[in-house]
Amino acid sequence: MKINLLAMSMATLLLGACSDATYGYLYCHMSDKGEWTAYALSRDGLNYHDLLNGEAIYNTREINAIEGGSRDAFVARAEDGKHYLMTTTDMCVARSKVWYNYGINLLTSDDLINWKSTTFDFRKGAEIFCDPESEDPTNDYSKICRVWAPQFMWDSDYVWADGSKGGYMVYYSLLLDKDNENEYDRMYYSYADRSFTKLTKPRVLFDWGYATIDADINYVEADGKYHMMIKKEGGKPGIFTSTSDKLTSGWTLPVDDDYVDFEGKKKCEGPSAFRIEGEEGWRVAYIEYSSRPRHYRICKADKYMRNFSEPQDINGVTGPQHGSFMKLTKAEYDRLEAWGNKPKQ
């Protein structure tokens, strides 16, 4: 019974399910036109239209306090069902001219429109984390040079030092030292508190001996396991699937049947799984970035999140890129529609 309750909690967080009927879908994403977060709405989960003409939904330079660029947006309801949370990569290649960055942002909102951000610059070291007694992941935080694609899941079983339970497991890829030839991007995790403003020190989620980025974790009720889709940068490249019975341990080596085999040798990343109301299986979105123009694709998967098929381009979005999907009630959909299409003064 415990695992079923946990599964229900995970489904509520990741898929945006709630007591009200699903009316539509929000696609919250980095814009391919620039390094900002954009919104698009859909009634069926496949055909979308931009809000604010695909422009930034908030002041990126204020929200992303390190570099002023916002990438890889992930959005979901808070555990209490009353608020909304978002994570982004704080990064602006257009200004820095390098593929390095130094931190992430945790955002909170009461309405999906007005957002507040807490920025974590990992170079500052142990002082930015809420568990100073914990082991450090590195002897020199100042050498951290990539903190990419944070996402999160609610974990009701997590226990804090004071004995309180429940926290958001925030997972991301981390490169500790670009000048060390033995270093590569590994998956790490921290825990955020209910306020989504405090974060524990990074801990290794897994290390398969080669670079991995862009993890997306979902609980799959059909087999009672957590499924993680992840981009392998080493070994055989592509987006692969790993499974585990637990969130923070036990992740298997990825299976060899890469779900983007139907893309041939084209390069893909940024997977994001979601479900469309009335469908038994899953939908998996990702960016195919080696073509010009790039293609943001949505494919089908069965109820076990296997047997990927029927890829198609997302419709109606200007500049789709790495992002996430959330179900909306009619009230949420209508509020965003009215805000996102109001004429500029």
Protein backbone atom coordinates (compact mmCIF):
# COMPACT_ATOMS: atom_id res chain seq x y z
CA MET A 1 0.00 0.00 0.00
CA LYS A 2 2.87 2.35 0.80
CA ILE A 3 4.32 2.16 -2.72
CA ASN A 4 0.92 2.80 -4.27
CA LEU A 5 0.52 5.97 -2.20
CA LEU A 6 3.99 7.06 -3.20
CA ALA A 7 3.17 6.40 -6.85
CA MET A 8 0.07 8.53 -6.57
CA SER A 9 2.12 11.32 -5.01
CA MET A 10 4.69 11.13 -7.80
CA ALA A 11 2.00 11.13 -10.48
CA THR A 12 0.41 14.20 -8.91
CA LEU A 13 3.71 16.08 -8.88
CA LEU A 14 5.11 15.14 -12.26
CA LEU A 15 2.00 15.06 -14.38
CA GLY A 16 0.11 17.92 -12.82
CA ALA A 17 -2.85 15.71 -11.95
CA CYS A 18 -5.36 17.20 -9.50
CA SER A 19 -8.95 16.80 -8.37
CA ASP A 20 -10.22 18.93 -11.26
CA ALA A 21 -10.44 17.47 -14.74
CA THR A 22 -7.59 18.00 -17.16
CA TYR A 23 -8.50 20.72 -19.64
CA GLY A 24 -5.18 21.33 -21.36
CA TYR A 25 -1.40 21.18 -21.23
CA LEU A 26 1.44 23.61 -20.55
CA TYR A 27 4.73 23.27 -22.39
CA CYS A 28 7.32 25.24 -20.39
CA HIS A 29 10.60 25.40 -22.27
CA MET A 30 13.84 27.10 -23.10
CA SER A 31 13.38 29.12 -26.25
CA ASP A 32 15.53 28.16 -29.21
CA LYS A 33 15.43 31.86 -30.17
CA GLY A 34 17.37 32.80 -27.03
CA GLU A 35 18.19 31.72 -23.51
CA TRP A 36 14.89 32.44 -21.79
CA THR A 37 11.88 30.46 -20.54
CA ALA A 38 8.75 30.46 -22.70
CA TYR A 39 5.23 29.01 -22.49
CA ALA A 40 2.92 27.30 -24.96
CA LEU A 41 -0.59 25.92 -24.39
CA SER A 42 -2.41 22.94 -25.87
CA ARG A 43 -5.81 21.31 -25.51
CA ASP A 44 -4.69 17.88 -26.81
CA GLY A 45 -1.02 17.69 -25.73
CA LEU A 46 0.32 17.69 -29.30
CA ASN A 47 -0.83 20.92 -30.95
CA TYR A 48 0.26 24.09 -29.14
CA HIS A 49 0.23 27.85 -29.45
CA ASP A 50 2.73 30.30 -27.96
CA LEU A 51 2.01 32.65 -25.12
CA LEU A 52 3.57 36.13 -25.29
CA ASN A 53 4.56 35.24 -28.86
CA GLY A 54 7.18 32.87 -27.50
CA GLU A 55 9.01 35.60 -25.60
CA ALA A 56 10.27 35.38 -22.01
CA ILE A 57 7.67 34.79 -19.29
CA TYR A 58 9.78 36.63 -16.70
CA ASN A 59 12.75 38.99 -16.53
CA THR A 60 15.53 36.50 -17.19
CA ARG A 61 18.35 38.70 -15.95
CA GLU A 62 16.64 39.19 -12.59
CA ILE A 63 15.56 35.57 -12.11
CA ASN A 64 18.86 34.05 -13.27
CA ALA A 65 21.23 36.02 -11.09
CA ILE A 66 24.54 34.46 -12.16
CA GLU A 67 24.61 34.74 -15.95
CA GLY A 68 21.18 36.15 -16.78
CA GLY A 69 20.24 33.26 -19.05
CA SER A 70 17.59 30.61 -18.44
CA ARG A 71 17.82 27.12 -19.94
CA ASP A 72 16.18 23.68 -19.54
CA ALA A 73 13.01 24.77 -17.69
CA PHE A 74 11.25 22.09 -15.63
CA VAL A 75 7.88 22.94 -14.04
CA ALA A 76 5.49 21.02 -11.76
CA ARG A 77 2.99 21.53 -8.98
CA ALA A 78 4.29 21.77 -5.44
CA GLU A 79 3.57 18.88 -3.11
CA ASP A 80 0.77 20.84 -1.42
CA GLY A 81 -1.07 21.20 -4.74
CA LYS A 82 -1.48 24.93 -4.17
CA HIS A 83 1.74 26.33 -5.61
CA TYR A 84 4.06 25.80 -8.56
CA LEU A 85 7.78 25.13 -8.74
CA MET A 86 10.35 25.45 -11.49
CA THR A 87 14.05 24.71 -11.92
CA THR A 88 16.33 26.18 -14.56
CA THR A 89 19.97 26.09 -15.58
CA ASP A 90 21.50 29.51 -14.94
CA MET A 91 23.51 29.92 -18.14
CA CYS A 92 23.96 32.31 -21.05
CA VAL A 93 26.21 31.04 -23.83
CA ALA A 94 25.37 34.12 -25.92
CA ARG A 95 27.29 36.26 -23.44
CA SER A 96 29.86 33.85 -21.98
CA LYS A 97 30.72 32.23 -25.35
CA VAL A 98 31.52 28.95 -23.54
CA TRP A 99 29.52 25.83 -22.68
CA TYR A 100 30.17 26.16 -18.97
CA ASN A 101 28.02 27.50 -16.16
CA TYR A 102 28.09 27.64 -12.39
CA GLY A 103 24.66 27.18 -10.87
CA ILE A 104 20.93 26.62 -10.95
CA ASN A 105 17.74 28.42 -9.94
CA LEU A 106 14.83 27.21 -7.80
CA LEU A 107 11.64 29.16 -8.54
CA THR A 108 8.26 29.39 -6.81
CA SER A 109 4.91 30.82 -7.94
CA ASP A 110 1.31 31.03 -6.78
CA ASP A 111 -0.14 31.44 -10.28
CA LEU A 112 2.39 30.24 -12.93
CA ILE A 113 2.79 33.90 -13.95
CA ASN A 114 4.70 35.67 -11.18
CA TRP A 115 7.89 33.88 -10.16
CA LYS A 116 10.41 34.28 -7.32
CA SER A 117 13.86 32.74 -7.60
CA THR A 118 16.59 31.47 -5.30
CA THR A 119 19.93 31.21 -7.11
CA PHE A 120 22.64 28.72 -6.14
CA ASP A 121 26.11 29.58 -7.42
CA PHE A 122 28.04 26.38 -6.72
CA ARG A 123 31.41 28.15 -6.95
CA LYS A 124 30.67 29.82 -3.61
CA GLY A 125 31.02 26.47 -1.88
CA ALA A 126 29.54 24.99 1.27
CA GLU A 127 28.08 28.32 2.45
CA ILE A 128 25.21 28.16 -0.06
CA PHE A 129 23.97 24.78 1.22
CA CYS A 130 21.84 24.10 4.30
CA ASP A 131 23.80 21.06 5.62
CA PRO A 132 27.32 22.32 6.44
CA GLU A 133 28.07 19.14 8.39
CA SER A 134 27.75 16.95 5.27
CA GLU A 135 30.64 15.74 3.16
CA ASP A 136 31.72 18.02 0.32
CA PRO A 137 31.69 16.67 -3.25
CA THR A 138 34.96 18.45 -4.04
CA ASN A 139 37.90 20.08 -2.30
CA ASP A 140 37.60 23.17 -4.48
CA TYR A 141 34.09 24.38 -5.31
CA SER A 142 35.54 27.21 -7.39
CA LYS A 143 36.47 24.72 -10.12
CA ILE A 144 32.88 23.58 -10.69
CA CYS A 145 32.13 24.50 -14.28
CA ARG A 146 28.86 22.80 -15.30
CA VAL A 147 25.59 22.44 -13.38
CA TRP A 148 23.05 21.38 -15.98
CA ALA A 149 19.36 20.59 -16.44
CA PRO A 150 18.00 20.41 -12.86
CA GLN A 151 14.70 18.60 -12.29
CA PHE A 152 12.93 17.46 -9.14
CA MET A 153 10.60 14.94 -7.51
CA TRP A 154 8.82 15.02 -4.17
CA ASP A 155 10.13 12.38 -1.75
CA SER A 156 7.84 11.95 1.26
CA ASP A 157 10.30 9.56 2.92
CA TYR A 158 13.27 11.92 3.05
CA VAL A 159 14.30 12.74 6.63
CA TRP A 160 16.00 16.05 7.51
CA ALA A 161 18.55 16.45 10.30
CA ASP A 162 15.86 17.78 12.66
CA GLY A 163 13.70 14.68 12.07
CA SER A 164 11.12 16.32 9.82
CA LYS A 165 10.10 14.35 6.75
CA GLY A 166 9.60 15.22 3.11
CA GLY A 167 11.69 17.07 0.58
CA TYR A 168 12.23 17.66 -3.12
CA MET A 169 14.96 15.49 -4.61
CA VAL A 170 16.63 17.85 -7.11
CA TYR A 171 18.82 16.05 -9.64
CA TYR A 172 21.23 17.52 -12.19
CA SER A 173 24.50 16.84 -13.97
CA LEU A 174 27.69 18.26 -12.51
CA LEU A 175 31.21 18.72 -13.89
CA LEU A 176 33.59 19.36 -11.00
CA ASP A 177 36.73 20.40 -12.89
CA LYS A 178 37.02 20.93 -16.64
CA ASP A 179 40.84 20.97 -16.42
CA ASN A 180 41.02 17.45 -14.96
CA GLU A 181 41.23 14.98 -17.86
CA ASN A 182 39.61 12.29 -15.70
CA GLU A 183 36.54 14.39 -14.95
CA TYR A 184 33.23 14.09 -16.81
CA ASP A 185 29.60 15.06 -16.19
CA ARG A 186 28.05 12.82 -13.53
CA MET A 187 24.52 12.83 -12.18
CA TYR A 188 24.20 14.32 -8.69
CA TYR A 189 21.26 15.12 -6.43
CA SER A 190 20.45 17.45 -3.55
CA TYR A 191 17.33 17.89 -1.44
CA ALA A 192 15.32 21.10 -1.33
CA ASP A 193 13.00 21.96 1.54
CA ARG A 194 9.26 22.60 1.21
CA SER A 195 9.86 26.32 0.70
CA PHE A 196 12.10 25.45 -2.28
CA THR A 197 14.70 27.93 -1.07
CA LYS A 198 17.20 25.68 0.73
CA LEU A 199 19.38 22.99 -0.81
CA THR A 200 21.65 20.26 0.56
CA LYS A 201 25.16 19.57 -0.75
CA PRO A 202 25.49 17.53 -3.96
CA ARG A 203 25.61 13.74 -3.66
CA VAL A 204 26.43 11.33 -6.49
CA LEU A 205 23.28 9.71 -7.91
CA PHE A 206 25.23 7.25 -10.08
CA ASP A 207 28.49 7.06 -12.00
CA TRP A 208 28.63 4.80 -15.04
CA GLY A 209 32.14 5.80 -16.04
CA TYR A 210 31.22 8.25 -18.80
CA ALA A 211 29.44 11.59 -19.16
CA THR A 212 25.66 11.71 -18.69
CA ILE A 213 23.29 14.71 -18.83
CA ASP A 214 19.60 15.66 -19.13
CA ALA A 215 18.01 13.08 -16.81
CA ASP A 216 14.22 12.83 -16.60
CA ILE A 217 12.81 10.58 -13.84
CA ASN A 218 9.22 9.32 -13.70
CA TYR A 219 7.47 6.72 -11.57
CA VAL A 220 5.85 4.10 -13.82
CA GLU A 221 2.89 2.43 -12.14
CA ALA A 222 2.76 -0.42 -14.65
CA ASP A 223 5.99 -1.99 -13.36
CA GLY A 224 6.33 -0.22 -9.99
CA LYS A 225 9.72 1.26 -10.84
CA TYR A 226 11.31 4.63 -11.40
CA HIS A 227 12.35 5.12 -15.01
CA MET A 228 15.08 7.55 -15.93
CA MET A 229 15.71 8.64 -19.48
CA ILE A 230 19.14 10.16 -19.86
CA LYS A 231 21.50 11.34 -22.56
CA LYS A 232 24.75 9.39 -22.69
CA GLU A 233 27.64 11.50 -23.93
CA GLY A 234 30.10 8.60 -23.59
CA GLY A 235 30.02 5.04 -24.86
CA LYS A 236 27.26 4.59 -27.40
CA PRO A 237 25.74 8.08 -27.52
CA GLY A 238 22.02 8.74 -27.42
CA ILE A 239 19.07 8.81 -25.03
CA PHE A 240 18.77 5.64 -22.94
CA THR A 241 16.63 4.29 -20.11
CA SER A 242 17.65 3.13 -16.64
CA THR A 243 15.34 1.85 -13.86
CA SER A 244 15.43 1.60 -10.07
CA ASP A 245 13.23 0.65 -7.13
CA LYS A 246 14.51 3.69 -5.24
CA LEU A 247 15.04 7.32 -6.11
CA THR A 248 18.59 7.83 -4.89
CA SER A 249 20.19 4.40 -5.41
CA GLY A 250 20.08 1.19 -7.41
CA TRP A 251 20.00 2.67 -10.91
CA THR A 252 20.70 -0.05 -13.47
CA LEU A 253 23.02 0.31 -16.40
CA PRO A 254 21.03 1.72 -19.34
CA VAL A 255 19.40 -0.82 -21.63
CA ASP A 256 20.85 -0.96 -25.13
CA ASP A 257 17.62 -0.40 -27.06
CA ASP A 258 17.89 3.37 -27.39
CA TYR A 259 14.42 4.80 -27.96
CA VAL A 260 15.67 7.26 -30.58
CA ASP A 261 16.92 4.50 -32.86
CA PHE A 262 14.34 5.76 -35.35
CA GLU A 263 16.33 9.01 -35.62
CA GLY A 264 19.31 7.12 -37.05
CA LYS A 265 22.58 8.93 -36.38
CA LYS A 266 20.93 12.26 -35.62
CA LYS A 267 21.78 13.73 -32.22
CA CYS A 268 19.07 14.00 -29.58
CA GLU A 269 18.83 15.23 -25.97
CA GLY A 270 16.55 16.80 -23.37
CA PRO A 271 13.96 13.99 -22.91
CA SER A 272 10.71 14.82 -21.11
CA ALA A 273 7.98 12.25 -20.49
CA PHE A 274 4.31 13.05 -19.86
CA ARG A 275 0.89 11.48 -20.30
CA ILE A 276 -2.08 12.63 -22.34
CA GLU A 277 -5.48 12.23 -20.72
CA GLY A 278 -7.26 9.10 -21.94
CA GLU A 279 -4.11 7.38 -23.24
CA GLU A 280 -2.78 4.25 -21.55
CA GLY A 281 0.81 4.88 -22.57
CA TRP A 282 3.29 7.73 -22.32
CA ARG A 283 4.51 10.48 -24.60
CA VAL A 284 8.21 11.34 -24.69
CA ALA A 285 9.44 14.66 -26.07
CA TYR A 286 13.05 15.49 -26.98
CA ILE A 287 15.11 17.80 -29.16
CA GLU A 288 16.77 16.46 -32.31
CA TYR A 289 19.47 19.07 -32.70
CA SER A 290 21.75 17.90 -35.50
CA SER A 291 19.34 18.89 -38.28
CA ARG A 292 18.89 22.46 -39.51
CA PRO A 293 16.36 23.55 -38.58
CA ARG A 294 16.25 21.56 -35.35
CA HIS A 295 13.24 19.33 -34.65
CA TYR A 296 11.42 19.09 -31.34
CA ARG A 297 9.83 15.67 -31.39
CA ILE A 298 7.11 13.86 -29.44
CA CYS A 299 6.92 10.07 -29.70
CA LYS A 300 4.74 7.37 -28.18
CA ALA A 301 5.67 4.77 -25.55
CA ASP A 302 3.61 2.00 -23.98
CA LYS A 303 2.39 1.94 -20.37
CA TYR A 304 5.76 0.53 -19.28
CA MET A 305 7.51 3.48 -20.93
CA ARG A 306 8.98 1.09 -23.50
CA ASN A 307 8.49 0.38 -27.23
CA PHE A 308 8.97 3.95 -28.43
CA SER A 309 7.37 4.73 -31.79
CA GLU A 310 5.66 7.25 -34.08
CA PRO A 311 7.80 10.37 -33.61
CA GLN A 312 6.25 13.61 -34.82
CA ASP A 313 7.22 17.27 -34.60
CA ILE A 314 5.52 19.43 -32.02
CA ASN A 315 3.03 21.78 -33.68
CA GLY A 316 2.56 25.51 -33.19
CA VAL A 317 5.56 26.44 -31.03
CA THR A 318 8.11 29.07 -32.00
CA GLY A 319 11.58 27.94 -30.96
CA PRO A 320 10.78 24.73 -29.03
CA GLN A 321 13.71 23.37 -27.00
CA HIS A 322 14.51 21.49 -23.80
CA GLY A 323 11.51 21.80 -21.47
CA SER A 324 8.70 20.01 -19.65
CA PHE A 325 4.95 19.42 -19.70
CA MET A 326 2.21 19.85 -17.09
CA LYS A 327 -1.51 19.17 -17.14
CA LEU A 328 -3.78 22.16 -16.52
CA THR A 329 -7.27 22.66 -15.19
CA LYS A 330 -9.64 24.91 -17.11
CA ALA A 331 -9.12 27.72 -14.60
CA GLU A 332 -5.33 27.50 -14.99
CA TYR A 333 -5.56 27.26 -18.76
CA ASP A 334 -7.90 30.24 -19.04
CA ARG A 335 -5.76 32.35 -16.69
CA LEU A 336 -2.62 31.69 -18.70
CA GLU A 337 -4.45 32.22 -21.99
CA ALA A 338 -5.75 35.61 -20.88
CA TRP A 339 -2.34 36.68 -19.54
CA GLY A 340 -0.32 35.35 -22.46
CA ASN A 341 -2.41 36.89 -25.20
CA LYS A 342 -3.21 40.30 -23.77
CA PRO A 343 -2.19 43.18 -26.03
CA LYS A 344 1.01 45.00 -25.05
CA GLN A 345 0.53 48.51 -23.68
